[in-house]
Amino acid sequence: MKVVWTRKADNSFNGIVDYLLDIWNIEIATSFVDTVDHTIKLIVKNPEMFKVSQYDNISREAFITKHTTMFYRILENAIEIEYFWGNFDNPEKINELLKFK
């Protein structure tokens, strides 16, 4: 199954990696990237392995770290990575981010 990333997913992922590089170090950033890659591989094998989002009934929430959740959707022939969310951010923002395009 193909994996596609939205612009919001790219931007939020890159923002997290940049933050980790600025505040922590290359090992922490690399570990985060590896965890995301591993999680996406698991999702491709079993798209429904993570719970349906509490914010809408189309997205799913993949726990990446205690600080980060990845939202994704199962499309007909692809997995769409929607957004990476800082778990300590205001949850009211998620509704706006996950609106249909």
PDB file of N, CA and C in Angstrom:
ATOM      1  N   MET A   1       0.844  -1.172   0.000  1.00  0.00           N
ATOM      2  CA  MET A   1       0.000   0.000   0.000  1.00  0.00           C
ATOM      3  C   MET A   1       0.897   1.246   0.000  1.00  0.00           C
ATOM      4  N   LYS A   2       0.490   2.206  -0.783  1.00  0.00           N
ATOM      5  CA  LYS A   2       1.234   3.455  -0.923  1.00  0.00           C
ATOM      6  C   LYS A   2       1.003   4.345   0.305  1.00  0.00           C
ATOM      7  N   VAL A   3       2.029   5.116   0.677  1.00  0.00           N
ATOM      8  CA  VAL A   3       1.923   6.075   1.772  1.00  0.00           C
ATOM      9  C   VAL A   3       2.111   7.473   1.196  1.00  0.00           C
ATOM     10  N   VAL A   4       1.146   8.357   1.486  1.00  0.00           N
ATOM     11  CA  VAL A   4       1.244   9.750   1.037  1.00  0.00           C
ATOM     12  C   VAL A   4       1.186  10.653   2.265  1.00  0.00           C
ATOM     13  N   TRP A   5       1.907  11.753   2.173  1.00  0.00           N
ATOM     14  CA  TRP A   5       1.953  12.720   3.264  1.00  0.00           C
ATOM     15  C   TRP A   5       1.290  14.009   2.815  1.00  0.00           C
ATOM     16  N   THR A   6       0.473  14.592   3.680  1.00  0.00           N
ATOM     17  CA  THR A   6      -0.079  15.907   3.396  1.00  0.00           C
ATOM     18  C   THR A   6       1.006  16.961   3.661  1.00  0.00           C
ATOM     19  N   ARG A   7       0.767  18.151   3.190  1.00  0.00           N
ATOM     20  CA  ARG A   7       1.699  19.255   3.463  1.00  0.00           C
ATOM     21  C   ARG A   7       1.783  19.512   4.976  1.00  0.00           C
ATOM     22  N   LYS A   8       0.632  19.412   5.660  1.00  0.00           N
ATOM     23  CA  LYS A   8       0.628  19.593   7.115  1.00  0.00           C
ATOM     24  C   LYS A   8       1.475  18.526   7.806  1.00  0.00           C
ATOM     25  N   ALA A   9       1.427  17.310   7.297  1.00  0.00           N
ATOM     26  CA  ALA A   9       2.248  16.239   7.872  1.00  0.00           C
ATOM     27  C   ALA A   9       3.731  16.539   7.676  1.00  0.00           C
ATOM     28  N   ASP A  10       4.103  16.921   6.454  1.00  0.00           N
ATOM     29  CA  ASP A  10       5.501  17.279   6.184  1.00  0.00           C
ATOM     30  C   ASP A  10       5.973  18.397   7.101  1.00  0.00           C
ATOM     31  N   ASN A  11       5.169  19.453   7.183  1.00  0.00           N
ATOM     32  CA  ASN A  11       5.562  20.617   7.979  1.00  0.00           C
ATOM     33  C   ASN A  11       5.657  20.291   9.465  1.00  0.00           C
ATOM     34  N   SER A  12       4.685  19.570   9.984  1.00  0.00           N
ATOM     35  CA  SER A  12       4.707  19.261  11.415  1.00  0.00           C
ATOM     36  C   SER A  12       5.827  18.268  11.747  1.00  0.00           C
ATOM     37  N   PHE A  13       6.072  17.283  10.871  1.00  0.00           N
ATOM     38  CA  PHE A  13       7.163  16.332  11.075  1.00  0.00           C
ATOM     39  C   PHE A  13       8.503  17.067  11.065  1.00  0.00           C
ATOM     40  N   ASN A  14       8.716  17.898  10.054  1.00  0.00           N
ATOM     41  CA  ASN A  14       9.980  18.635   9.966  1.00  0.00           C
ATOM     42  C   ASN A  14      10.168  19.580  11.141  1.00  0.00           C
ATOM     43  N   GLY A  15       9.072  20.181  11.613  1.00  0.00           N
ATOM     44  CA  GLY A  15       9.155  21.053  12.774  1.00  0.00           C
ATOM     45  C   GLY A  15       9.602  20.305  14.018  1.00  0.00           C
ATOM     46  N   ILE A  16       9.097  19.098  14.204  1.00  0.00           N
ATOM     47  CA  ILE A  16       9.497  18.288  15.354  1.00  0.00           C
ATOM     48  C   ILE A  16      10.965  17.894  15.238  1.00  0.00           C
ATOM     49  N   VAL A  17      11.380  17.458  14.064  1.00  0.00           N
ATOM     50  CA  VAL A  17      12.781  17.064  13.871  1.00  0.00           C
ATOM     51  C   VAL A  17      13.695  18.267  14.108  1.00  0.00           C
ATOM     52  N   ASP A  18      13.348  19.419  13.568  1.00  0.00           N
ATOM     53  CA  ASP A  18      14.156  20.629  13.797  1.00  0.00           C
ATOM     54  C   ASP A  18      14.238  20.959  15.281  1.00  0.00           C
ATOM     55  N   TYR A  19      13.127  20.865  15.974  1.00  0.00           N
ATOM     56  CA  TYR A  19      13.101  21.124  17.415  1.00  0.00           C
ATOM     57  C   TYR A  19      14.035  20.159  18.146  1.00  0.00           C
ATOM     58  N   LEU A  20      13.934  18.879  17.813  1.00  0.00           N
ATOM     59  CA  LEU A  20      14.790  17.886  18.474  1.00  0.00           C
ATOM     60  C   LEU A  20      16.266  18.151  18.213  1.00  0.00           C
ATOM     61  N   LEU A  21      16.594  18.563  17.000  1.00  0.00           N
ATOM     62  CA  LEU A  21      17.988  18.876  16.676  1.00  0.00           C
ATOM     63  C   LEU A  21      18.464  20.125  17.426  1.00  0.00           C
ATOM     64  N   ASP A  22      17.592  21.109  17.570  1.00  0.00           N
ATOM     65  CA  ASP A  22      17.958  22.352  18.261  1.00  0.00           C
ATOM     66  C   ASP A  22      18.095  22.156  19.767  1.00  0.00           C
ATOM     67  N   ILE A  23      17.154  21.438  20.350  1.00  0.00           N
ATOM     68  CA  ILE A  23      17.089  21.318  21.809  1.00  0.00           C
ATOM     69  C   ILE A  23      17.856  20.104  22.328  1.00  0.00           C
ATOM     70  N   TRP A  24      17.833  19.015  21.611  1.00  0.00           N
ATOM     71  CA  TRP A  24      18.455  17.783  22.076  1.00  0.00           C
ATOM     72  C   TRP A  24      19.702  17.487  21.257  1.00  0.00           C
ATOM     73  N   ASN A  25      19.666  16.438  20.439  1.00  0.00           N
ATOM     74  CA  ASN A  25      20.850  16.083  19.643  1.00  0.00           C
ATOM     75  C   ASN A  25      20.446  15.187  18.479  1.00  0.00           C
ATOM     76  N   ILE A  26      21.407  14.867  17.660  1.00  0.00           N
ATOM     77  CA  ILE A  26      21.156  14.079  16.449  1.00  0.00           C
ATOM     78  C   ILE A  26      20.623  12.677  16.786  1.00  0.00           C
ATOM     79  N   GLU A  27      21.087  12.088  17.884  1.00  0.00           N
ATOM     80  CA  GLU A  27      20.632  10.746  18.249  1.00  0.00           C
ATOM     81  C   GLU A  27      19.140  10.734  18.583  1.00  0.00           C
ATOM     82  N   ILE A  28      18.678  11.736  19.306  1.00  0.00           N
ATOM     83  CA  ILE A  28      17.258  11.812  19.665  1.00  0.00           C
ATOM     84  C   ILE A  28      16.414  12.041  18.407  1.00  0.00           C
ATOM     85  N   ALA A  29      16.873  12.947  17.535  1.00  0.00           N
ATOM     86  CA  ALA A  29      16.138  13.217  16.287  1.00  0.00           C
ATOM     87  C   ALA A  29      16.097  11.975  15.409  1.00  0.00           C
ATOM     88  N   THR A  30      17.206  11.275  15.303  1.00  0.00           N
ATOM     89  CA  THR A  30      17.273  10.053  14.496  1.00  0.00           C
ATOM     90  C   THR A  30      16.361   8.974  15.070  1.00  0.00           C
ATOM     91  N   SER A  31      16.326   8.863  16.379  1.00  0.00           N
ATOM     92  CA  SER A  31      15.444   7.890  17.027  1.00  0.00           C
ATOM     93  C   SER A  31      13.985   8.197  16.721  1.00  0.00           C
ATOM     94  N   PHE A  32      13.621   9.473  16.747  1.00  0.00           N
ATOM     95  CA  PHE A  32      12.248   9.867  16.414  1.00  0.00           C
ATOM     96  C   PHE A  32      11.920   9.485  14.969  1.00  0.00           C
ATOM     97  N   VAL A  33      12.809   9.816  14.041  1.00  0.00           N
ATOM     98  CA  VAL A  33      12.588   9.493  12.624  1.00  0.00           C
ATOM     99  C   VAL A  33      12.453   7.979  12.439  1.00  0.00           C
ATOM    100  N   ASP A  34      13.317   7.224  13.101  1.00  0.00           N
ATOM    101  CA  ASP A  34      13.255   5.761  12.998  1.00  0.00           C
ATOM    102  C   ASP A  34      11.941   5.215  13.558  1.00  0.00           C
ATOM    103  N   THR A  35      11.470   5.790  14.659  1.00  0.00           N
ATOM    104  CA  THR A  35      10.203   5.356  15.253  1.00  0.00           C
ATOM    105  C   THR A  35       9.040   5.646  14.317  1.00  0.00           C
ATOM    106  N   VAL A  36       9.046   6.818  13.685  1.00  0.00           N
ATOM    107  CA  VAL A  36       7.993   7.153  12.721  1.00  0.00           C
ATOM    108  C   VAL A  36       8.036   6.176  11.550  1.00  0.00           C
ATOM    109  N   ASP A  37       9.227   5.934  11.002  1.00  0.00           N
ATOM    110  CA  ASP A  37       9.359   4.992   9.878  1.00  0.00           C
ATOM    111  C   ASP A  37       8.837   3.602  10.252  1.00  0.00           C
ATOM    112  N   HIS A  38       9.212   3.131  11.425  1.00  0.00           N
ATOM    113  CA  HIS A  38       8.776   1.811  11.886  1.00  0.00           C
ATOM    114  C   HIS A  38       7.248   1.768  12.045  1.00  0.00           C
ATOM    115  N   THR A  39       6.693   2.819  12.627  1.00  0.00           N
ATOM    116  CA  THR A  39       5.240   2.879  12.834  1.00  0.00           C
ATOM    117  C   THR A  39       4.500   2.866  11.499  1.00  0.00           C
ATOM    118  N   ILE A  40       5.002   3.616  10.535  1.00  0.00           N
ATOM    119  CA  ILE A  40       4.356   3.638   9.216  1.00  0.00           C
ATOM    120  C   ILE A  40       4.420   2.259   8.563  1.00  0.00           C
ATOM    121  N   LYS A  41       5.530   1.560   8.698  1.00  0.00           N
ATOM    122  CA  LYS A  41       5.633   0.202   8.147  1.00  0.00           C
ATOM    123  C   LYS A  41       4.615  -0.728   8.792  1.00  0.00           C
ATOM    124  N   LEU A  42       4.413  -0.589  10.091  1.00  0.00           N
ATOM    125  CA  LEU A  42       3.405  -1.400  10.775  1.00  0.00           C
ATOM    126  C   LEU A  42       2.004  -1.072  10.272  1.00  0.00           C
ATOM    127  N   ILE A  43       1.737   0.212  10.072  1.00  0.00           N
ATOM    128  CA  ILE A  43       0.421   0.641   9.591  1.00  0.00           C
ATOM    129  C   ILE A  43       0.159   0.114   8.186  1.00  0.00           C
ATOM    130  N   VAL A  44       1.165   0.105   7.325  1.00  0.00           N
ATOM    131  CA  VAL A  44       0.993  -0.418   5.969  1.00  0.00           C
ATOM    132  C   VAL A  44       0.580  -1.889   6.028  1.00  0.00           C
ATOM    133  N   LYS A  45       1.161  -2.654   6.949  1.00  0.00           N
ATOM    134  CA  LYS A  45       0.819  -4.070   7.084  1.00  0.00           C
ATOM    135  C   LYS A  45      -0.561  -4.273   7.719  1.00  0.00           C
ATOM    136  N   ASN A  46      -0.924  -3.373   8.626  1.00  0.00           N
ATOM    137  CA  ASN A  46      -2.190  -3.499   9.349  1.00  0.00           C
ATOM    138  C   ASN A  46      -2.767  -2.098   9.577  1.00  0.00           C
ATOM    139  N   PRO A  47      -3.433  -1.533   8.574  1.00  0.00           N
ATOM    140  CA  PRO A  47      -3.889  -0.139   8.641  1.00  0.00           C
ATOM    141  C   PRO A  47      -4.811   0.192   9.814  1.00  0.00           C
ATOM    142  N   GLU A  48      -5.529  -0.774  10.324  1.00  0.00           N
ATOM    143  CA  GLU A  48      -6.476  -0.507  11.396  1.00  0.00           C
ATOM    144  C   GLU A  48      -5.914  -0.785  12.785  1.00  0.00           C
ATOM    145  N   MET A  49      -4.598  -0.890  12.898  1.00  0.00           N
ATOM    146  CA  MET A  49      -3.997  -1.267  14.178  1.00  0.00           C
ATOM    147  C   MET A  49      -4.125  -0.189  15.250  1.00  0.00           C
ATOM    148  N   PHE A  50      -4.292   1.063  14.851  1.00  0.00           N
ATOM    149  CA  PHE A  50      -4.445   2.136  15.828  1.00  0.00           C
ATOM    150  C   PHE A  50      -5.900   2.573  15.916  1.00  0.00           C
ATOM    151  N   LYS A  51      -6.241   3.153  17.048  1.00  0.00           N
ATOM    152  CA  LYS A  51      -7.641   3.505  17.312  1.00  0.00           C
ATOM    153  C   LYS A  51      -8.128   4.631  16.405  1.00  0.00           C
ATOM    154  N   VAL A  52      -9.428   4.616  16.174  1.00  0.00           N
ATOM    155  CA  VAL A  52     -10.075   5.697  15.447  1.00  0.00           C
ATOM    156  C   VAL A  52      -9.957   6.947  16.306  1.00  0.00           C
ATOM    157  N   SER A  53      -9.694   8.062  15.670  1.00  0.00           N
ATOM    158  CA  SER A  53      -9.485   9.317  16.383  1.00  0.00           C
ATOM    159  C   SER A  53     -10.716   9.734  17.173  1.00  0.00           C
ATOM    160  N   GLN A  54     -10.469  10.288  18.320  1.00  0.00           N
ATOM    161  CA  GLN A  54     -11.559  10.830  19.124  1.00  0.00           C
ATOM    162  C   GLN A  54     -12.071  12.144  18.545  1.00  0.00           C
ATOM    163  N   TYR A  55     -11.354  12.710  17.587  1.00  0.00           N
ATOM    164  CA  TYR A  55     -11.709  14.008  17.008  1.00  0.00           C
ATOM    165  C   TYR A  55     -12.548  13.889  15.742  1.00  0.00           C
ATOM    166  N   ASP A  56     -12.442  12.785  15.041  1.00  0.00           N
ATOM    167  CA  ASP A  56     -13.313  12.494  13.906  1.00  0.00           C
ATOM    168  C   ASP A  56     -13.341  10.986  13.720  1.00  0.00           C
ATOM    169  N   ASN A  57     -14.234  10.490  12.921  1.00  0.00           N
ATOM    170  CA  ASN A  57     -14.344   9.033  12.779  1.00  0.00           C
ATOM    171  C   ASN A  57     -13.660   8.514  11.523  1.00  0.00           C
ATOM    172  N   ILE A  58     -12.832   9.322  10.910  1.00  0.00           N
ATOM    173  CA  ILE A  58     -12.125   8.917   9.692  1.00  0.00           C
ATOM    174  C   ILE A  58     -10.632   8.760   9.948  1.00  0.00           C
ATOM    175  N   SER A  59     -10.076   9.638  10.759  1.00  0.00           N
ATOM    176  CA  SER A  59      -8.651   9.598  11.072  1.00  0.00           C
ATOM    177  C   SER A  59      -8.375   8.558  12.149  1.00  0.00           C
ATOM    178  N   ARG A  60      -7.124   8.152  12.212  1.00  0.00           N
ATOM    179  CA  ARG A  60      -6.658   7.254  13.271  1.00  0.00           C
ATOM    180  C   ARG A  60      -5.469   7.913  13.960  1.00  0.00           C
ATOM    181  N   GLU A  61      -5.272   7.567  15.225  1.00  0.00           N
ATOM    182  CA  GLU A  61      -4.220   8.158  16.039  1.00  0.00           C
ATOM    183  C   GLU A  61      -3.143   7.125  16.328  1.00  0.00           C
ATOM    184  N   ALA A  62      -1.950   7.352  15.815  1.00  0.00           N
ATOM    185  CA  ALA A  62      -0.829   6.453  16.073  1.00  0.00           C
ATOM    186  C   ALA A  62       0.094   7.106  17.099  1.00  0.00           C
ATOM    187  N   PHE A  63       0.224   6.478  18.249  1.00  0.00           N
ATOM    188  CA  PHE A  63       1.100   6.955  19.309  1.00  0.00           C
ATOM    189  C   PHE A  63       2.540   6.759  18.857  1.00  0.00           C
ATOM    190  N   ILE A  64       3.294   7.855  18.759  1.00  0.00           N
ATOM    191  CA  ILE A  64       4.697   7.769  18.340  1.00  0.00           C
ATOM    192  C   ILE A  64       5.607   7.806  19.563  1.00  0.00           C
ATOM    193  N   THR A  65       5.462   8.836  20.376  1.00  0.00           N
ATOM    194  CA  THR A  65       6.164   8.955  21.658  1.00  0.00           C
ATOM    195  C   THR A  65       5.173   9.546  22.649  1.00  0.00           C
ATOM    196  N   LYS A  66       5.579   9.646  23.909  1.00  0.00           N
ATOM    197  CA  LYS A  66       4.669  10.249  24.873  1.00  0.00           C
ATOM    198  C   LYS A  66       4.399  11.713  24.544  1.00  0.00           C
ATOM    199  N   HIS A  67       5.232  12.291  23.678  1.00  0.00           N
ATOM    200  CA  HIS A  67       5.070  13.690  23.292  1.00  0.00           C
ATOM    201  C   HIS A  67       4.370  13.884  21.948  1.00  0.00           C
ATOM    202  N   THR A  68       4.274  12.831  21.135  1.00  0.00           N
ATOM    203  CA  THR A  68       3.826  12.998  19.747  1.00  0.00           C
ATOM    204  C   THR A  68       2.855  11.906  19.311  1.00  0.00           C
ATOM    205  N   THR A  69       1.795  12.339  18.618  1.00  0.00           N
ATOM    206  CA  THR A  69       0.845  11.431  17.986  1.00  0.00           C
ATOM    207  C   THR A  69       0.799  11.751  16.496  1.00  0.00           C
ATOM    208  N   MET A  70       0.731  10.714  15.681  1.00  0.00           N
ATOM    209  CA  MET A  70       0.603  10.882  14.235  1.00  0.00           C
ATOM    210  C   MET A  70      -0.835  10.537  13.849  1.00  0.00           C
ATOM    211  N   PHE A  71      -1.480  11.440  13.124  1.00  0.00           N
ATOM    212  CA  PHE A  71      -2.820  11.188  12.616  1.00  0.00           C
ATOM    213  C   PHE A  71      -2.710  10.727  11.166  1.00  0.00           C
ATOM    214  N   TYR A  72      -3.481   9.706  10.823  1.00  0.00           N
ATOM    215  CA  TYR A  72      -3.478   9.194   9.452  1.00  0.00           C
ATOM    216  C   TYR A  72      -4.875   8.727   9.078  1.00  0.00           C
ATOM    217  N   ARG A  73      -5.095   8.609   7.760  1.00  0.00           N
ATOM    218  CA  ARG A  73      -6.364   8.099   7.227  1.00  0.00           C
ATOM    219  C   ARG A  73      -6.077   6.921   6.318  1.00  0.00           C
ATOM    220  N   ILE A  74      -7.020   6.012   6.279  1.00  0.00           N
ATOM    221  CA  ILE A  74      -6.950   4.875   5.365  1.00  0.00           C
ATOM    222  C   ILE A  74      -7.766   5.247   4.138  1.00  0.00           C
ATOM    223  N   LEU A  75      -7.092   5.384   3.026  1.00  0.00           N
ATOM    224  CA  LEU A  75      -7.770   5.667   1.763  1.00  0.00           C
ATOM    225  C   LEU A  75      -7.936   4.366   0.994  1.00  0.00           C
ATOM    226  N   GLU A  76      -8.550   4.433  -0.161  1.00  0.00           N
ATOM    227  CA  GLU A  76      -8.809   3.211  -0.934  1.00  0.00           C
ATOM    228  C   GLU A  76      -7.528   2.456  -1.271  1.00  0.00           C
ATOM    229  N   ASN A  77      -6.506   3.167  -1.749  1.00  0.00           N
ATOM    230  CA  ASN A  77      -5.255   2.508  -2.156  1.00  0.00           C
ATOM    231  C   ASN A  77      -4.023   3.097  -1.495  1.00  0.00           C
ATOM    232  N   ALA A  78      -4.220   3.799  -0.377  1.00  0.00           N
ATOM    233  CA  ALA A  78      -3.078   4.451   0.256  1.00  0.00           C
ATOM    234  C   ALA A  78      -3.358   4.738   1.728  1.00  0.00           C
ATOM    235  N   ILE A  79      -2.292   4.982   2.431  1.00  0.00           N
ATOM    236  CA  ILE A  79      -2.349   5.513   3.782  1.00  0.00           C
ATOM    237  C   ILE A  79      -1.933   6.976   3.669  1.00  0.00           C
ATOM    238  N   GLU A  80      -2.770   7.867   4.178  1.00  0.00           N
ATOM    239  CA  GLU A  80      -2.452   9.293   4.132  1.00  0.00           C
ATOM    240  C   GLU A  80      -2.031   9.750   5.531  1.00  0.00           C
ATOM    241  N   ILE A  81      -0.776  10.176   5.633  1.00  0.00           N
ATOM    242  CA  ILE A  81      -0.281  10.747   6.884  1.00  0.00           C
ATOM    243  C   ILE A  81      -0.775  12.186   6.914  1.00  0.00           C
ATOM    244  N   GLU A  82      -1.586  12.517   7.931  1.00  0.00           N
ATOM    245  CA  GLU A  82      -2.236  13.826   7.973  1.00  0.00           C
ATOM    246  C   GLU A  82      -1.458  14.877   8.757  1.00  0.00           C
ATOM    247  N   TYR A  83      -0.963  14.497   9.937  1.00  0.00           N
ATOM    248  CA  TYR A  83      -0.393  15.507  10.817  1.00  0.00           C
ATOM    249  C   TYR A  83       0.311  14.843  11.997  1.00  0.00           C
ATOM    250  N   PHE A  84       1.364  15.488  12.489  1.00  0.00           N
ATOM    251  CA  PHE A  84       2.020  15.069  13.724  1.00  0.00           C
ATOM    252  C   PHE A  84       1.643  16.081  14.793  1.00  0.00           C
ATOM    253  N   TRP A  85       1.182  15.579  15.909  1.00  0.00           N
ATOM    254  CA  TRP A  85       0.622  16.438  16.944  1.00  0.00           C
ATOM    255  C   TRP A  85       1.436  16.348  18.231  1.00  0.00           C
ATOM    256  N   GLY A  86       1.788  17.500  18.785  1.00  0.00           N
ATOM    257  CA  GLY A  86       2.403  17.546  20.105  1.00  0.00           C
ATOM    258  C   GLY A  86       1.327  17.282  21.144  1.00  0.00           C
ATOM    259  N   ASN A  87       1.453  16.230  21.900  1.00  0.00           N
ATOM    260  CA  ASN A  87       0.401  15.806  22.814  1.00  0.00           C
ATOM    261  C   ASN A  87       0.089  16.807  23.923  1.00  0.00           C
ATOM    262  N   PHE A  88       0.934  17.803  24.081  1.00  0.00           N
ATOM    263  CA  PHE A  88       0.696  18.802  25.115  1.00  0.00           C
ATOM    264  C   PHE A  88       0.110  20.087  24.549  1.00  0.00           C
ATOM    265  N   ASP A  89      -0.174  20.105  23.234  1.00  0.00           N
ATOM    266  CA  ASP A  89      -0.792  21.267  22.599  1.00  0.00           C
ATOM    267  C   ASP A  89      -2.281  21.312  22.922  1.00  0.00           C
ATOM    268  N   ASN A  90      -2.896  22.434  22.631  1.00  0.00           N
ATOM    269  CA  ASN A  90      -4.327  22.624  22.842  1.00  0.00           C
ATOM    270  C   ASN A  90      -5.111  21.694  21.920  1.00  0.00           C
ATOM    271  N   PRO A  91      -5.877  20.739  22.461  1.00  0.00           N
ATOM    272  CA  PRO A  91      -6.590  19.770  21.620  1.00  0.00           C
ATOM    273  C   PRO A  91      -7.665  20.396  20.735  1.00  0.00           C
ATOM    274  N   GLU A  92      -8.105  21.592  21.043  1.00  0.00           N
ATOM    275  CA  GLU A  92      -9.113  22.235  20.200  1.00  0.00           C
ATOM    276  C   GLU A  92      -8.560  22.565  18.811  1.00  0.00           C
ATOM    277  N   LYS A  93      -7.253  22.659  18.664  1.00  0.00           N
ATOM    278  CA  LYS A  93      -6.636  22.947  17.364  1.00  0.00           C
ATOM    279  C   LYS A  93      -6.749  21.759  16.408  1.00  0.00           C
ATOM    280  N   ILE A  94      -6.859  20.559  16.960  1.00  0.00           N
ATOM    281  CA  ILE A  94      -6.861  19.359  16.118  1.00  0.00           C
ATOM    282  C   ILE A  94      -8.053  19.363  15.160  1.00  0.00           C
ATOM    283  N   ASN A  95      -9.205  19.761  15.635  1.00  0.00           N
ATOM    284  CA  ASN A  95     -10.389  19.758  14.770  1.00  0.00           C
ATOM    285  C   ASN A  95     -10.150  20.542  13.489  1.00  0.00           C
ATOM    286  N   GLU A  96      -9.499  21.667  13.589  1.00  0.00           N
ATOM    287  CA  GLU A  96      -9.207  22.487  12.409  1.00  0.00           C
ATOM    288  C   GLU A  96      -8.197  21.786  11.495  1.00  0.00           C
ATOM    289  N   LEU A  97      -7.207  21.147  12.077  1.00  0.00           N
ATOM    290  CA  LEU A  97      -6.158  20.505  11.288  1.00  0.00           C
ATOM    291  C   LEU A  97      -6.647  19.278  10.539  1.00  0.00           C
ATOM    292  N   LEU A  98      -7.628  18.596  11.082  1.00  0.00           N
ATOM    293  CA  LEU A  98      -8.079  17.351  10.478  1.00  0.00           C
ATOM    294  C   LEU A  98      -9.306  17.504   9.577  1.00  0.00           C
ATOM    295  N   LYS A  99      -9.692  18.728   9.299  1.00  0.00           N
ATOM    296  CA  LYS A  99     -10.846  18.934   8.414  1.00  0.00           C
ATOM    297  C   LYS A  99     -10.570  18.351   7.040  1.00  0.00           C
ATOM    298  N   PHE A 100     -11.637  17.863   6.414  1.00  0.00           N
ATOM    299  CA  PHE A 100     -11.507  17.361   5.044  1.00  0.00           C
ATOM    300  C   PHE A 100     -10.988  18.444   4.128  1.00  0.00           C
ATOM    301  N   LYS A 101     -10.219  18.028   3.158  1.00  0.00           N
ATOM    302  CA  LYS A 101      -9.643  18.959   2.197  1.00  0.00           C
ATOM    303  C   LYS A 101     -10.664  19.292   1.137  1.00  0.00           C
TER     304      LYS A 101
END
